[in-house]
Amino acid sequence: MKPLGVTPKLTFLFALVFTVMLGGLYIATYYLLANELETNLNQELLDRAAGLKGYIDFENDLPVLTFDSSDAEESLFVTTATRYFQIYDLATGTLVHQSQELGLMGLQFSPEEILQISGGPTLMDILTDQGPLRFYNDHVMSPSGKMYMLQVGMSQQSKQVALDRFVRLTVWLIPFGLVVAGTSGWFMARRALKPVQNIARAAKLIELSHLSQRIPLLGSGDEFDQLALTFNETFARLEHAVGEMKQFTGSIAHELRTPLTALRGEAEIALLHGESPEDFRRVLSSQLEEFQKLTRLIDQLLMLARAEAGEFHLERVPVLLVPLLKYIVETLTLLSDEKGVVLKLESDPGIVVRGDKEWLERALLNLLDNAIKYTQAGGRVTVRTSKEQPGVRIEVEDTGAGIPPEALPHIFERFYRADPARDKAVEGVGLGLSLVKWIVEEHGGSIEAASKTGEGALFTIVLPQD
């Protein structure tokens, strides 16, 4: 079963919310209307009873209605108010006066019922053949002090008719409102989701070969623009990653092609021109060197790939920097002496950093080895350390040929070698500085390079203090 799309879901949700709101509004309106009609009915009864009391006189201690029949307004009020009207003697419970309408209906209370009614609520409902009636019970007293009960009634049919009309109207309006709500919700959902559909269509057009394309922004600055901007940022990162991958593929192909070409050439020469075991031994010895270069290249590639994939766990322990640098300098002294380069350490004692000793050793060893390789005989490589805010500063300075300005921004990239400024005879595949940068950044530090052609290079590492 195919799941519902966002548009039907939003339409259903909109219709559901509208139904709940409409239902709540209907219930609230119904009760407000019923309460208002009830209040008006009660008030009308009170007004009629109070008005009729003004037209009651007593003859022979019996209540009678007296009014000016020539006064149309007065006559209309009395006639209307006395449609459901009767007076009882409270002492005997006998009926003294009753309107014709109640007489025809045969509505009359017994003396016992009159005693109960006179002591009960002033408002009472009675169900008759003509529908429910509501009576208001009041008392009038004759000049001699005799008490009578006055009952003034009204039909509740008008209230019920108004409520029934409201219900019938609602029964027609609610389905119509639901249809309008559903239709409006459908169009609103489609209109609201149209930018998302546009973003999806634009994203489908961006292929791997055209990652420079971007999703156009609406310029409204709303959530859809933020979504498009997020997609564009993702495509930019993807474009950068694919570019690096292409560069990586091209670089590794180039680096592998050189030793493989040498191996093939030497093997062909040996097969065509080899005449003695010494010739083959010399070729095999040369090929072993090329195999060693390939092995180092593959090891460095695997190490860098695993490092960037997060497969290496770096410890975070206090590391004494001076003993570590002394050990590295002693390790590289033989290499520097063979090349005629002076290797010098200038360090403040007691400097401690927090990190992984083995990885820090690998980074500093690569950096110093790199400096020695690119420094000519008679030159100097100096290592300096110092404390500063907010961390520890490590400088590796050489007096080699330097790095041209156009190469400086790229020296930490994979396979990059500044051949115009550096000695091409120096072995290496351009992965050492990439690994150094990764190690430094994993320790929460930073590394920078500064150089002028012919004046050497200066690499500066800043690491957090322990």
Protein backbone atom coordinates (compact mmCIF):
# COMPACT_ATOMS: atom_id res chain seq x y z
CA MET A 1 0.00 0.00 0.00
CA LYS A 2 1.41 3.31 -1.07
CA PRO A 3 1.78 5.70 1.88
CA LEU A 4 -0.07 9.00 1.85
CA GLY A 5 1.82 12.02 0.64
CA VAL A 6 2.34 15.20 2.60
CA THR A 7 -0.44 17.07 0.76
CA PRO A 8 -3.22 14.58 1.68
CA LYS A 9 -1.90 14.41 5.24
CA LEU A 10 -1.94 18.20 5.60
CA THR A 11 -5.41 18.33 4.02
CA PHE A 12 -6.71 15.71 6.43
CA LEU A 13 -5.08 17.48 9.38
CA PHE A 14 -6.53 20.84 8.31
CA ALA A 15 -10.01 19.33 7.89
CA LEU A 16 -9.72 17.56 11.25
CA VAL A 17 -8.68 20.74 13.05
CA PHE A 18 -11.45 22.66 11.32
CA THR A 19 -13.99 19.98 12.32
CA VAL A 20 -12.91 20.08 15.95
CA MET A 21 -13.02 23.87 15.98
CA LEU A 22 -16.39 23.95 14.21
CA GLY A 23 -17.79 21.32 16.58
CA GLY A 24 -16.56 23.25 19.59
CA LEU A 25 -17.97 26.47 18.19
CA TYR A 26 -21.33 24.77 17.53
CA ILE A 27 -21.57 23.37 21.06
CA ALA A 28 -20.57 26.67 22.64
CA THR A 29 -22.97 28.64 20.43
CA TYR A 30 -25.83 26.21 21.09
CA TYR A 31 -25.47 26.50 24.85
CA LEU A 32 -25.02 30.25 24.70
CA LEU A 33 -28.14 30.58 22.55
CA ALA A 34 -30.15 28.24 24.81
CA ASN A 35 -29.02 30.14 27.89
CA GLU A 36 -29.88 33.47 26.29
CA LEU A 37 -33.36 32.25 25.28
CA GLU A 38 -33.87 30.82 28.76
CA THR A 39 -32.88 34.11 30.36
CA ASN A 40 -35.15 36.10 28.07
CA LEU A 41 -38.06 33.74 28.80
CA ASN A 42 -37.62 34.05 32.55
CA GLN A 43 -37.26 37.80 32.34
CA GLU A 44 -40.40 38.05 30.22
CA LEU A 45 -42.31 36.03 32.82
CA LEU A 46 -41.09 38.29 35.62
CA ASP A 47 -42.04 41.39 33.67
CA ARG A 48 -45.52 40.02 32.91
CA ALA A 49 -46.15 39.01 36.52
CA ALA A 50 -44.97 42.37 37.82
CA GLY A 51 -47.12 44.18 35.24
CA LEU A 52 -50.26 42.12 35.99
CA LYS A 53 -49.97 42.78 39.70
CA GLY A 54 -50.52 46.44 38.86
CA TYR A 55 -53.89 45.62 37.23
CA ILE A 56 -55.24 43.47 40.08
CA ASP A 57 -57.84 45.05 42.34
CA PHE A 58 -59.94 43.47 45.08
CA GLU A 59 -63.72 43.40 45.26
CA ASN A 60 -65.23 41.81 48.33
CA ASP A 61 -61.71 40.66 49.19
CA LEU A 62 -61.48 38.80 45.84
CA PRO A 63 -58.88 39.67 43.17
CA VAL A 64 -60.14 40.99 39.84
CA LEU A 65 -58.36 42.41 36.76
CA THR A 66 -59.17 46.03 35.96
CA PHE A 67 -57.72 47.86 32.96
CA ASP A 68 -58.72 50.42 30.36
CA SER A 69 -59.86 48.40 27.35
CA SER A 70 -59.85 51.55 25.26
CA ASP A 71 -56.08 51.80 25.68
CA ALA A 72 -54.70 49.56 22.93
CA GLU A 73 -51.26 49.17 24.45
CA GLU A 74 -52.64 48.39 27.90
CA SER A 75 -55.22 46.04 26.50
CA LEU A 76 -52.60 44.20 24.38
CA PHE A 77 -50.31 43.68 27.37
CA VAL A 78 -53.04 42.35 29.64
CA THR A 79 -54.42 40.07 26.94
CA THR A 80 -50.97 38.67 26.17
CA ALA A 81 -49.89 38.32 29.81
CA THR A 82 -53.09 36.56 30.84
CA ARG A 83 -53.06 33.90 28.11
CA TYR A 84 -51.76 31.41 30.67
CA PHE A 85 -52.96 32.94 33.94
CA GLN A 86 -54.65 31.79 37.14
CA ILE A 87 -55.09 32.84 40.78
CA TYR A 88 -55.52 30.48 43.75
CA ASP A 89 -56.65 31.13 47.31
CA LEU A 90 -53.72 29.98 49.43
CA ALA A 91 -55.91 29.41 52.49
CA THR A 92 -58.27 26.93 50.83
CA GLY A 93 -56.30 25.98 47.65
CA THR A 94 -59.33 26.79 45.52
CA LEU A 95 -59.13 28.33 42.07
CA VAL A 96 -60.29 31.93 42.09
CA HIS A 97 -59.57 33.06 38.55
CA GLN A 98 -58.27 31.23 35.40
CA SER A 99 -57.66 32.28 31.81
CA GLN A 100 -59.71 30.67 29.04
CA GLU A 101 -56.61 28.97 27.52
CA LEU A 102 -55.77 27.16 30.75
CA GLY A 103 -59.43 26.29 31.25
CA LEU A 104 -59.59 24.62 27.88
CA MET A 105 -56.41 22.72 28.64
CA GLY A 106 -57.93 21.57 31.95
CA LEU A 107 -54.88 22.62 33.89
CA GLN A 108 -55.91 22.99 37.52
CA PHE A 109 -54.10 22.10 40.72
CA SER A 110 -55.61 20.49 43.81
CA PRO A 111 -55.44 22.23 47.20
CA GLU A 112 -52.65 19.86 48.27
CA GLU A 113 -50.65 20.68 45.13
CA ILE A 114 -51.18 24.40 45.70
CA LEU A 115 -49.73 24.07 49.19
CA GLN A 116 -46.65 22.31 47.75
CA ILE A 117 -46.30 24.78 44.87
CA SER A 118 -46.62 27.85 47.08
CA GLY A 119 -43.71 26.73 49.20
CA GLY A 120 -41.55 25.63 46.25
CA PRO A 121 -39.55 27.43 43.54
CA THR A 122 -40.99 30.48 41.87
CA LEU A 123 -40.38 29.01 38.39
CA MET A 124 -41.83 25.67 37.31
CA ASP A 125 -42.20 23.78 34.02
CA ILE A 126 -45.34 21.82 33.14
CA LEU A 127 -45.70 19.56 30.11
CA THR A 128 -49.08 19.96 28.37
CA ASP A 129 -50.70 18.85 25.14
CA GLN A 130 -49.62 22.16 23.60
CA GLY A 131 -46.03 21.71 24.63
CA PRO A 132 -44.06 22.68 27.73
CA LEU A 133 -45.21 25.73 29.69
CA ARG A 134 -43.23 27.69 32.21
CA PHE A 135 -44.99 29.36 35.12
CA TYR A 136 -43.86 32.06 37.48
CA ASN A 137 -45.48 31.87 40.91
CA ASP A 138 -46.00 35.07 42.87
CA HIS A 139 -48.16 36.19 45.77
CA VAL A 140 -50.69 38.99 46.08
CA MET A 141 -52.40 40.11 49.28
CA SER A 142 -55.86 41.63 49.68
CA PRO A 143 -56.42 44.71 51.83
CA SER A 144 -57.68 42.44 54.62
CA GLY A 145 -54.50 40.43 54.52
CA LYS A 146 -55.75 37.38 52.64
CA MET A 147 -53.03 35.72 50.52
CA TYR A 148 -53.48 34.55 46.95
CA MET A 149 -51.06 32.79 44.57
CA LEU A 150 -50.66 34.37 41.16
CA GLN A 151 -49.46 32.10 38.31
CA VAL A 152 -48.34 33.62 35.00
CA GLY A 153 -47.24 31.22 32.28
CA MET A 154 -45.58 31.28 28.88
CA SER A 155 -45.14 28.66 26.21
CA GLN A 156 -41.57 27.42 25.68
CA GLN A 157 -42.32 26.54 22.07
CA SER A 158 -40.65 29.68 20.69
CA LYS A 159 -37.43 28.80 22.48
CA GLN A 160 -37.53 25.24 21.19
CA VAL A 161 -38.31 26.40 17.66
CA ALA A 162 -35.31 28.75 17.70
CA LEU A 163 -33.01 25.97 18.92
CA ASP A 164 -34.39 23.51 16.35
CA ARG A 165 -33.79 26.03 13.56
CA PHE A 166 -30.25 26.54 14.78
CA VAL A 167 -29.63 22.77 14.76
CA ARG A 168 -31.09 22.39 11.24
CA LEU A 169 -28.97 25.28 10.01
CA THR A 170 -25.89 23.74 11.57
CA VAL A 171 -26.63 20.34 10.00
CA TRP A 172 -26.46 22.04 6.61
CA LEU A 173 -23.54 24.32 7.37
CA ILE A 174 -21.14 21.77 8.90
CA PRO A 175 -20.90 19.50 5.79
CA PHE A 176 -20.57 22.57 3.60
CA GLY A 177 -17.87 23.92 5.90
CA LEU A 178 -16.03 20.58 5.80
CA VAL A 179 -16.07 20.59 1.99
CA VAL A 180 -14.76 24.16 1.95
CA ALA A 181 -12.14 23.31 4.59
CA GLY A 182 -10.97 20.22 2.72
CA THR A 183 -10.76 22.05 -0.59
CA SER A 184 -9.01 25.03 0.96
CA GLY A 185 -6.65 22.74 2.84
CA TRP A 186 -5.77 20.89 -0.36
CA PHE A 187 -4.95 24.06 -2.28
CA MET A 188 -3.13 25.61 0.69
CA ALA A 189 -1.04 22.46 1.19
CA ARG A 190 -0.14 22.29 -2.51
CA ARG A 191 0.73 25.98 -2.53
CA ALA A 192 2.78 25.68 0.67
CA LEU A 193 4.67 22.63 -0.61
CA LYS A 194 5.28 24.02 -4.10
CA PRO A 195 8.69 25.51 -3.09
CA VAL A 196 9.70 22.08 -1.77
CA GLN A 197 8.73 20.51 -5.09
CA ASN A 198 10.72 23.17 -6.92
CA ILE A 199 13.73 22.45 -4.70
CA ALA A 200 13.35 18.70 -5.39
CA ARG A 201 13.19 19.28 -9.17
CA ALA A 202 16.20 21.58 -9.07
CA ALA A 203 18.15 19.08 -6.95
CA LYS A 204 17.42 16.28 -9.45
CA LEU A 205 19.03 18.34 -12.22
CA ILE A 206 22.31 18.58 -10.31
CA GLU A 207 24.40 15.64 -11.42
CA LEU A 208 27.87 14.53 -10.43
CA SER A 209 29.31 16.16 -13.53
CA HIS A 210 27.53 19.47 -12.79
CA LEU A 211 28.02 19.94 -9.06
CA SER A 212 28.71 23.63 -9.56
CA GLN A 213 24.99 24.22 -10.14
CA ARG A 214 22.94 25.50 -7.21
CA ILE A 215 19.28 25.59 -6.24
CA PRO A 216 17.85 29.10 -6.84
CA LEU A 217 16.69 30.98 -3.74
CA LEU A 218 13.29 32.67 -3.57
CA GLY A 219 14.72 35.64 -1.70
CA SER A 220 11.98 35.49 0.95
CA GLY A 221 14.33 34.43 3.74
CA ASP A 222 11.78 31.89 5.03
CA GLU A 223 12.22 28.22 5.94
CA PHE A 224 12.19 27.18 2.28
CA ASP A 225 15.07 29.53 1.52
CA GLN A 226 16.89 28.06 4.50
CA LEU A 227 16.25 24.57 3.11
CA ALA A 228 17.56 25.57 -0.33
CA LEU A 229 20.57 27.23 1.30
CA THR A 230 21.28 24.05 3.27
CA PHE A 231 21.10 22.01 0.07
CA ASN A 232 23.46 24.45 -1.64
CA GLU A 233 25.93 24.22 1.24
CA THR A 234 25.73 20.42 1.02
CA PHE A 235 26.33 20.51 -2.73
CA ALA A 236 29.28 22.85 -2.17
CA ARG A 237 30.81 20.39 0.31
CA LEU A 238 30.10 17.54 -2.09
CA GLU A 239 31.69 19.48 -4.95
CA HIS A 240 34.75 20.12 -2.83
CA ALA A 241 34.91 16.46 -1.75
CA VAL A 242 34.54 15.21 -5.33
CA GLY A 243 37.19 17.69 -6.44
CA GLU A 244 39.55 16.41 -3.77
CA MET A 245 38.75 12.84 -4.75
CA LYS A 246 39.51 13.58 -8.39
CA GLN A 247 42.74 15.30 -7.40
CA PHE A 248 43.54 12.40 -5.09
CA THR A 249 42.87 9.87 -7.84
CA GLY A 250 44.96 11.78 -10.35
CA SER A 251 47.80 12.29 -7.88
CA ILE A 252 47.93 8.69 -6.74
CA ALA A 253 47.80 7.50 -10.35
CA HIS A 254 50.73 9.76 -11.13
CA GLU A 255 52.70 8.66 -8.06
CA LEU A 256 52.08 4.98 -8.80
CA ARG A 257 52.82 5.32 -12.49
CA THR A 258 56.38 6.57 -11.91
CA PRO A 259 57.73 3.58 -9.93
CA LEU A 260 55.70 1.12 -11.99
CA THR A 261 57.11 2.59 -15.21
CA ALA A 262 60.62 2.34 -13.77
CA LEU A 263 60.03 -1.26 -12.74
CA ARG A 264 58.73 -2.19 -16.17
CA GLY A 265 61.55 -0.40 -17.97
CA GLU A 266 64.24 -2.01 -15.88
CA ALA A 267 62.64 -5.44 -16.33
CA GLU A 268 62.49 -4.99 -20.13
CA ILE A 269 66.11 -3.83 -20.26
CA ALA A 270 67.20 -6.79 -18.15
CA LEU A 271 65.34 -9.19 -20.42
CA LEU A 272 66.72 -7.65 -23.62
CA HIS A 273 70.25 -6.80 -22.58
CA GLY A 274 71.01 -8.82 -19.48
CA GLU A 275 73.98 -11.06 -20.05
CA SER A 276 75.24 -11.98 -16.59
CA PRO A 277 73.89 -12.65 -13.10
CA GLU A 278 75.41 -9.33 -12.00
CA ASP A 279 73.20 -7.47 -14.51
CA PHE A 280 70.06 -9.15 -13.18
CA ARG A 281 71.20 -8.64 -9.57
CA ARG A 282 71.65 -4.91 -10.24
CA VAL A 283 68.19 -4.66 -11.81
CA LEU A 284 66.57 -6.56 -8.95
CA SER A 285 68.32 -4.31 -6.42
CA SER A 286 66.99 -1.23 -8.21
CA GLN A 287 63.53 -2.75 -8.35
CA LEU A 288 63.62 -3.44 -4.61
CA GLU A 289 64.12 0.30 -4.03
CA GLU A 290 61.08 1.03 -6.19
CA PHE A 291 59.10 -1.57 -4.28
CA GLN A 292 60.10 0.14 -1.04
CA LYS A 293 58.84 3.46 -2.42
CA LEU A 294 55.54 1.84 -3.35
CA THR A 295 55.27 0.26 0.09
CA ARG A 296 55.89 3.62 1.81
CA LEU A 297 53.35 5.30 -0.44
CA ILE A 298 50.67 2.68 0.28
CA ASP A 299 51.41 2.74 4.02
CA GLN A 300 51.11 6.52 4.11
CA LEU A 301 47.89 6.42 2.11
CA LEU A 302 46.36 3.82 4.40
CA MET A 303 47.47 5.67 7.50
CA LEU A 304 46.04 8.99 6.31
CA ALA A 305 42.79 7.38 5.12
CA ARG A 306 42.31 5.54 8.42
CA ALA A 307 43.17 8.67 10.39
CA GLU A 308 40.63 10.82 8.54
CA ALA A 309 38.05 8.02 8.88
CA GLY A 310 38.43 8.20 12.67
CA GLU A 311 39.82 4.68 13.07
CA PHE A 312 42.73 5.87 15.23
CA HIS A 313 42.10 6.65 18.88
CA LEU A 314 44.25 9.44 20.27
CA GLU A 315 45.02 9.45 23.96
CA ARG A 316 44.81 12.60 26.04
CA VAL A 317 47.61 12.43 28.62
CA PRO A 318 50.21 14.97 29.79
CA VAL A 319 53.30 14.86 27.53
CA LEU A 320 56.64 16.47 28.44
CA LEU A 321 57.59 18.28 25.26
CA VAL A 322 61.35 18.83 25.80
CA PRO A 323 62.28 15.14 26.34
CA LEU A 324 60.18 14.21 23.31
CA LEU A 325 61.94 16.80 21.10
CA LYS A 326 65.36 15.73 22.38
CA TYR A 327 64.61 12.15 21.42
CA ILE A 328 63.48 13.20 17.93
CA VAL A 329 66.56 15.42 17.42
CA GLU A 330 68.86 12.59 18.50
CA THR A 331 67.06 10.23 16.11
CA LEU A 332 67.53 12.59 13.16
CA THR A 333 71.08 13.72 13.99
CA LEU A 334 72.63 10.97 11.87
CA LEU A 335 70.51 12.04 8.87
CA SER A 336 71.38 15.72 9.34
CA ASP A 337 75.09 14.98 9.79
CA GLU A 338 75.18 12.91 6.59
CA LYS A 339 73.69 15.83 4.70
CA GLY A 340 75.85 18.44 6.40
CA VAL A 341 72.92 20.22 8.05
CA VAL A 342 73.06 21.59 11.59
CA LEU A 343 70.09 20.43 13.69
CA LYS A 344 69.50 22.56 16.79
CA LEU A 345 66.97 22.54 19.63
CA GLU A 346 66.02 25.67 21.57
CA SER A 347 63.36 24.86 24.15
CA ASP A 348 62.04 26.18 27.45
CA PRO A 349 62.05 23.48 30.14
CA GLY A 350 58.92 22.23 31.85
CA ILE A 351 56.55 22.59 28.91
CA VAL A 352 53.69 20.08 29.06
CA VAL A 353 50.99 19.48 26.47
CA ARG A 354 48.01 17.13 26.59
CA GLY A 355 47.84 14.61 23.80
CA ASP A 356 49.01 11.32 22.33
CA LYS A 357 52.79 10.99 22.66
CA GLU A 358 53.24 8.61 19.72
CA TRP A 359 51.20 10.71 17.31
CA LEU A 360 52.89 13.93 18.41
CA GLU A 361 56.23 12.21 17.87
CA ARG A 362 55.14 11.15 14.38
CA ALA A 363 54.06 14.70 13.47
CA LEU A 364 57.25 16.39 14.75
CA LEU A 365 59.44 13.68 13.22
CA ASN A 366 57.79 14.18 9.79
CA LEU A 367 58.14 17.95 10.07
CA LEU A 368 61.83 17.85 11.02
CA ASP A 369 62.64 15.14 8.49
CA ASN A 370 60.96 17.27 5.81
CA ALA A 371 63.00 20.32 6.84
CA ILE A 372 66.29 18.39 6.73
CA LYS A 373 65.51 16.92 3.30
CA TYR A 374 64.89 20.34 1.77
CA THR A 375 67.89 22.07 3.37
CA GLN A 376 71.17 22.09 1.46
CA ALA A 377 74.54 21.18 2.96
CA GLY A 378 75.83 23.89 5.26
CA GLY A 379 72.29 24.92 6.19
CA ARG A 380 70.54 24.87 9.55
CA VAL A 381 67.32 23.47 10.98
CA THR A 382 66.18 24.91 14.30
CA VAL A 383 63.41 23.72 16.61
CA ARG A 384 62.06 26.23 19.17
CA THR A 385 59.39 25.90 21.83
CA SER A 386 57.82 28.51 24.06
CA LYS A 387 54.77 29.10 26.21
CA GLU A 388 52.18 31.61 25.09
CA GLN A 389 48.51 32.34 25.52
CA PRO A 390 46.53 30.26 25.02
CA GLY A 391 48.91 27.37 24.31
CA VAL A 392 52.40 26.05 23.48
CA ARG A 393 54.22 27.29 20.40
CA ILE A 394 56.53 24.98 18.42
CA GLU A 395 58.56 26.40 15.53
CA VAL A 396 60.54 24.43 12.94
CA GLU A 397 62.72 26.73 10.84
CA ASP A 398 65.09 25.79 8.02
CA THR A 399 67.43 27.71 5.73
CA GLY A 400 66.49 25.83 2.57
CA ALA A 401 65.32 27.15 -0.77
CA GLY A 402 61.96 28.25 0.64
CA ILE A 403 58.45 27.90 -0.74
CA PRO A 404 57.09 30.14 -3.52
CA PRO A 405 54.04 32.26 -2.54
CA GLU A 406 51.72 30.50 -4.95
CA ALA A 407 52.56 27.13 -3.36
CA LEU A 408 52.07 28.10 0.31
CA PRO A 409 48.27 27.70 0.39
CA HIS A 410 48.55 24.14 -0.95
CA ILE A 411 51.44 22.57 0.91
CA PHE A 412 49.16 20.73 3.38
CA GLU A 413 47.18 19.12 0.56
CA ARG A 414 47.69 15.50 -0.38
CA PHE A 415 50.38 14.77 -2.96
CA TYR A 416 51.23 18.43 -3.28
CA ARG A 417 54.93 19.17 -3.77
CA ALA A 418 56.31 22.60 -4.47
CA ASP A 419 58.74 21.34 -7.09
CA PRO A 420 59.72 24.77 -8.43
CA ALA A 421 61.13 25.75 -5.05
CA ARG A 422 62.15 22.39 -3.67
CA ASP A 423 64.72 19.88 -4.82
CA LYS A 424 63.10 17.40 -7.18
CA ALA A 425 65.67 14.83 -6.22
CA VAL A 426 64.21 14.63 -2.73
CA GLU A 427 62.15 11.53 -2.24
CA GLY A 428 58.54 11.82 -1.09
CA VAL A 429 54.98 11.76 -2.37
CA GLY A 430 53.55 14.82 -0.66
CA LEU A 431 51.64 13.09 2.15
CA GLY A 432 53.80 13.96 5.16
CA LEU A 433 52.48 17.47 5.74
CA SER A 434 48.87 16.29 5.28
CA LEU A 435 49.38 13.79 8.08
CA VAL A 436 51.07 16.43 10.26
CA LYS A 437 48.14 18.79 9.81
CA TRP A 438 45.66 16.06 10.73
CA ILE A 439 47.56 15.15 13.90
CA VAL A 440 47.84 18.77 15.02
CA GLU A 441 44.16 19.50 14.43
CA GLU A 442 43.10 16.31 16.22
CA HIS A 443 44.99 17.65 19.26
CA GLY A 444 42.98 20.85 19.08
CA GLY A 445 45.91 22.84 17.68
CA SER A 446 46.80 24.66 14.49
CA ILE A 447 49.71 24.72 12.07
CA GLU A 448 50.85 27.48 9.72
CA ALA A 449 53.67 27.89 7.22
CA ALA A 450 55.56 31.01 6.24
CA SER A 451 58.34 31.29 3.68
CA LYS A 452 60.14 33.45 1.18
CA THR A 453 61.85 32.01 -1.85
CA GLY A 454 65.54 31.51 -1.13
CA GLU A 455 65.19 32.31 2.60
CA GLY A 456 63.94 29.00 4.01
CA ALA A 457 60.63 28.09 5.59
CA LEU A 458 59.06 28.43 9.05
CA PHE A 459 56.38 26.02 10.29
CA THR A 460 54.55 27.05 13.47
CA ILE A 461 52.46 24.69 15.59
CA VAL A 462 50.26 25.89 18.45
CA LEU A 463 49.00 23.23 20.88
CA PRO A 464 46.82 23.59 23.99
CA GLN A 465 48.67 23.49 27.30
CA ASP A 466 47.95 20.79 29.82
